[in-house]
Amino acid sequence: MLAYASIAPRGRRNTTDALRFLVRRPALLAAIGGYEVAVLLSNRVDVRLKSLAGLKAASLAGCPF
């Protein structure tokens, strides 16, 4: 959910669509939130490597972030 919260202010129309989608599917919302918390709290991988992996995933998906 943290990743979603960081990009939410940038796209108003898509934000409300995604938010409506997640509100109607609470199990998916809980799963995404649990995943984000697990990634943030895991100390097995260096923070710099996590950032690099995020950038690589964004570039592979064609995301400008």
C-alpha atoms as a PDB file:
ATOM      1  CA  MET A   1       0.000   0.000   0.000  1.00  0.00           C
ATOM      2  CA  LEU A   2       2.953   2.263   0.554  1.00  0.00           C
ATOM      3  CA  ALA A   3       3.875   2.213  -3.125  1.00  0.00           C
ATOM      4  CA  TYR A   4       0.293   3.005  -4.040  1.00  0.00           C
ATOM      5  CA  ALA A   5       0.178   5.867  -1.540  1.00  0.00           C
ATOM      6  CA  SER A   6       3.324   7.408  -3.011  1.00  0.00           C
ATOM      7  CA  ILE A   7       1.908   7.610  -6.553  1.00  0.00           C
ATOM      8  CA  ALA A   8      -1.713   8.357  -5.648  1.00  0.00           C
ATOM      9  CA  PRO A   9      -1.469  12.169  -5.827  1.00  0.00           C
ATOM     10  CA  ARG A  10      -0.103  12.077  -9.392  1.00  0.00           C
ATOM     11  CA  GLY A  11      -3.078  10.636 -11.211  1.00  0.00           C
ATOM     12  CA  ARG A  12      -6.524  11.624  -9.994  1.00  0.00           C
ATOM     13  CA  ARG A  13      -8.673   9.616 -12.402  1.00  0.00           C
ATOM     14  CA  ASN A  14      -6.730   6.384 -12.160  1.00  0.00           C
ATOM     15  CA  THR A  15      -6.370   6.771  -8.410  1.00  0.00           C
ATOM     16  CA  THR A  16     -10.084   6.774  -7.811  1.00  0.00           C
ATOM     17  CA  ASP A  17     -10.563   3.807 -10.143  1.00  0.00           C
ATOM     18  CA  ALA A  18      -7.900   1.767  -8.360  1.00  0.00           C
ATOM     19  CA  LEU A  19      -9.154   2.826  -4.955  1.00  0.00           C
ATOM     20  CA  ARG A  20     -12.718   1.820  -5.819  1.00  0.00           C
ATOM     21  CA  PHE A  21     -11.430  -1.501  -7.069  1.00  0.00           C
ATOM     22  CA  LEU A  22      -9.482  -2.185  -3.876  1.00  0.00           C
ATOM     23  CA  VAL A  23     -12.314  -1.087  -1.589  1.00  0.00           C
ATOM     24  CA  ARG A  24     -14.625  -3.635  -3.212  1.00  0.00           C
ATOM     25  CA  ARG A  25     -12.013  -6.359  -2.702  1.00  0.00           C
ATOM     26  CA  PRO A  26     -10.888  -6.179   0.937  1.00  0.00           C
ATOM     27  CA  ALA A  27      -8.962  -9.463   0.740  1.00  0.00           C
ATOM     28  CA  LEU A  28      -6.820  -8.068  -2.081  1.00  0.00           C
ATOM     29  CA  LEU A  29      -6.321  -4.816  -0.182  1.00  0.00           C
ATOM     30  CA  ALA A  30      -5.194  -6.758   2.902  1.00  0.00           C
ATOM     31  CA  ALA A  31      -2.836  -8.894   0.812  1.00  0.00           C
ATOM     32  CA  ILE A  32      -1.242  -5.857  -0.823  1.00  0.00           C
ATOM     33  CA  GLY A  33      -0.890  -4.147   2.551  1.00  0.00           C
ATOM     34  CA  GLY A  34       0.653  -7.254   4.084  1.00  0.00           C
ATOM     35  CA  TYR A  35       3.104  -7.554   1.220  1.00  0.00           C
ATOM     36  CA  GLU A  36       4.178  -3.922   1.524  1.00  0.00           C
ATOM     37  CA  VAL A  37       4.712  -4.269   5.278  1.00  0.00           C
ATOM     38  CA  ALA A  38       6.699  -7.488   4.829  1.00  0.00           C
ATOM     39  CA  VAL A  39       8.955  -5.879   2.246  1.00  0.00           C
ATOM     40  CA  LEU A  40       9.535  -2.822   4.419  1.00  0.00           C
ATOM     41  CA  LEU A  41      10.291  -4.826   7.547  1.00  0.00           C
ATOM     42  CA  SER A  42      12.516  -7.465   5.985  1.00  0.00           C
ATOM     43  CA  ASN A  43      16.164  -6.894   6.812  1.00  0.00           C
ATOM     44  CA  ARG A  44      17.600  -9.731   4.760  1.00  0.00           C
ATOM     45  CA  VAL A  45      18.223  -7.573   1.694  1.00  0.00           C
ATOM     46  CA  ASP A  46      20.165  -4.331   1.726  1.00  0.00           C
ATOM     47  CA  VAL A  47      18.032  -1.198   1.325  1.00  0.00           C
ATOM     48  CA  ARG A  48      20.070  -0.049  -1.684  1.00  0.00           C
ATOM     49  CA  LEU A  49      19.497  -3.375  -3.394  1.00  0.00           C
ATOM     50  CA  LYS A  50      15.740  -3.118  -2.727  1.00  0.00           C
ATOM     51  CA  SER A  51      15.722   0.319  -4.342  1.00  0.00           C
ATOM     52  CA  LEU A  52      17.669  -0.960  -7.327  1.00  0.00           C
ATOM     53  CA  ALA A  53      15.263  -3.877  -7.737  1.00  0.00           C
ATOM     54  CA  GLY A  54      12.314  -1.468  -7.602  1.00  0.00           C
ATOM     55  CA  LEU A  55      13.847   0.702 -10.306  1.00  0.00           C
ATOM     56  CA  LYS A  56      14.539  -2.319 -12.486  1.00  0.00           C
ATOM     57  CA  ALA A  57      10.981  -3.608 -12.070  1.00  0.00           C
ATOM     58  CA  ALA A  58       9.602  -0.166 -12.923  1.00  0.00           C
ATOM     59  CA  SER A  59      11.736   0.065 -16.048  1.00  0.00           C
ATOM     60  CA  LEU A  60      10.697  -3.423 -17.179  1.00  0.00           C
ATOM     61  CA  ALA A  61       7.024  -2.505 -16.696  1.00  0.00           C
ATOM     62  CA  GLY A  62       7.488   0.762 -18.586  1.00  0.00           C
ATOM     63  CA  CYS A  63       6.738   2.836 -15.497  1.00  0.00           C
ATOM     64  CA  PRO A  64       8.287   6.324 -15.487  1.00  0.00           C
ATOM     65  CA  PHE A  65       8.949   6.247 -11.735  1.00  0.00           C
END
